[in-house]
Amino acid sequence: MAKNEKSSKELSSLAGKVLQQKSSTQAAKKLAGSVLTQAPDKPKTPAKRGK
């Protein structure tokens, strides 16, 4: 697998839903976890500083 391969936002969202379902199989949860580890990082926003 190439270093820059990432899962799409839609696929990551679906993987999150699979992990939340109690009826999901262990194999489905394992696959969903794998998808989430390849999800793009959320952009970091600068911290707001009070004056």
C-alpha atoms as a PDB file:
ATOM      1  CA  MET A   1       0.000   0.000   0.000  1.00  0.00           C
ATOM      2  CA  ALA A   2       1.339   3.434  -0.911  1.00  0.00           C
ATOM      3  CA  LYS A   3       2.047   5.928   1.834  1.00  0.00           C
ATOM      4  CA  ASN A   4      -0.485   8.467   0.582  1.00  0.00           C
ATOM      5  CA  GLU A   5      -3.551   6.250   0.262  1.00  0.00           C
ATOM      6  CA  LYS A   6      -6.475   7.489   2.328  1.00  0.00           C
ATOM      7  CA  SER A   7     -10.076   6.380   2.816  1.00  0.00           C
ATOM      8  CA  SER A   8     -12.808   8.737   1.656  1.00  0.00           C
ATOM      9  CA  LYS A   9     -14.889  10.722   4.141  1.00  0.00           C
ATOM     10  CA  GLU A  10     -17.971   8.753   3.120  1.00  0.00           C
ATOM     11  CA  LEU A  11     -16.265   5.427   3.734  1.00  0.00           C
ATOM     12  CA  SER A  12     -14.936   6.637   7.078  1.00  0.00           C
ATOM     13  CA  SER A  13     -18.421   7.711   8.121  1.00  0.00           C
ATOM     14  CA  LEU A  14     -19.828   4.311   7.189  1.00  0.00           C
ATOM     15  CA  ALA A  15     -17.053   2.575   9.125  1.00  0.00           C
ATOM     16  CA  GLY A  16     -17.947   4.613  12.200  1.00  0.00           C
ATOM     17  CA  LYS A  17     -21.560   3.516  11.920  1.00  0.00           C
ATOM     18  CA  VAL A  18     -20.491  -0.134  11.657  1.00  0.00           C
ATOM     19  CA  LEU A  19     -18.496   0.204  14.880  1.00  0.00           C
ATOM     20  CA  GLN A  20     -21.486   1.704  16.698  1.00  0.00           C
ATOM     21  CA  GLN A  21     -23.871  -1.112  15.748  1.00  0.00           C
ATOM     22  CA  LYS A  22     -24.124  -3.859  18.335  1.00  0.00           C
ATOM     23  CA  SER A  23     -25.130  -6.340  15.638  1.00  0.00           C
ATOM     24  CA  SER A  24     -21.901  -5.882  13.638  1.00  0.00           C
ATOM     25  CA  THR A  25     -19.722  -8.973  13.391  1.00  0.00           C
ATOM     26  CA  GLN A  26     -16.179  -9.029  14.722  1.00  0.00           C
ATOM     27  CA  ALA A  27     -14.867  -9.205  11.146  1.00  0.00           C
ATOM     28  CA  ALA A  28     -16.895  -6.112  10.157  1.00  0.00           C
ATOM     29  CA  LYS A  29     -15.592  -4.198  13.167  1.00  0.00           C
ATOM     30  CA  LYS A  30     -12.021  -5.179  12.375  1.00  0.00           C
ATOM     31  CA  LEU A  31     -12.416  -4.007   8.789  1.00  0.00           C
ATOM     32  CA  ALA A  32     -14.072  -0.757   9.906  1.00  0.00           C
ATOM     33  CA  GLY A  33     -11.202  -0.090  12.292  1.00  0.00           C
ATOM     34  CA  SER A  34      -8.755  -0.610   9.462  1.00  0.00           C
ATOM     35  CA  VAL A  35     -10.649   1.893   7.321  1.00  0.00           C
ATOM     36  CA  LEU A  36     -10.580   4.485  10.097  1.00  0.00           C
ATOM     37  CA  THR A  37      -6.824   4.184  10.539  1.00  0.00           C
ATOM     38  CA  GLN A  38      -6.500   5.212   6.890  1.00  0.00           C
ATOM     39  CA  ALA A  39      -8.929   8.143   7.203  1.00  0.00           C
ATOM     40  CA  PRO A  40      -7.561  11.588   6.402  1.00  0.00           C
ATOM     41  CA  ASP A  41      -6.575  13.679   9.397  1.00  0.00           C
ATOM     42  CA  LYS A  42      -8.874  16.524  10.336  1.00  0.00           C
ATOM     43  CA  PRO A  43      -7.276  19.920   9.696  1.00  0.00           C
ATOM     44  CA  LYS A  44      -5.974  21.542  12.849  1.00  0.00           C
ATOM     45  CA  THR A  45      -7.333  24.979  13.563  1.00  0.00           C
ATOM     46  CA  PRO A  46      -5.209  27.495  15.416  1.00  0.00           C
ATOM     47  CA  ALA A  47      -6.132  27.988  19.054  1.00  0.00           C
ATOM     48  CA  LYS A  48      -7.919  31.227  19.854  1.00  0.00           C
ATOM     49  CA  ARG A  49      -6.070  33.347  22.349  1.00  0.00           C
ATOM     50  CA  GLY A  50      -7.795  35.804  24.598  1.00  0.00           C
ATOM     51  CA  LYS A  51      -6.317  39.247  25.196  1.00  0.00           C
END
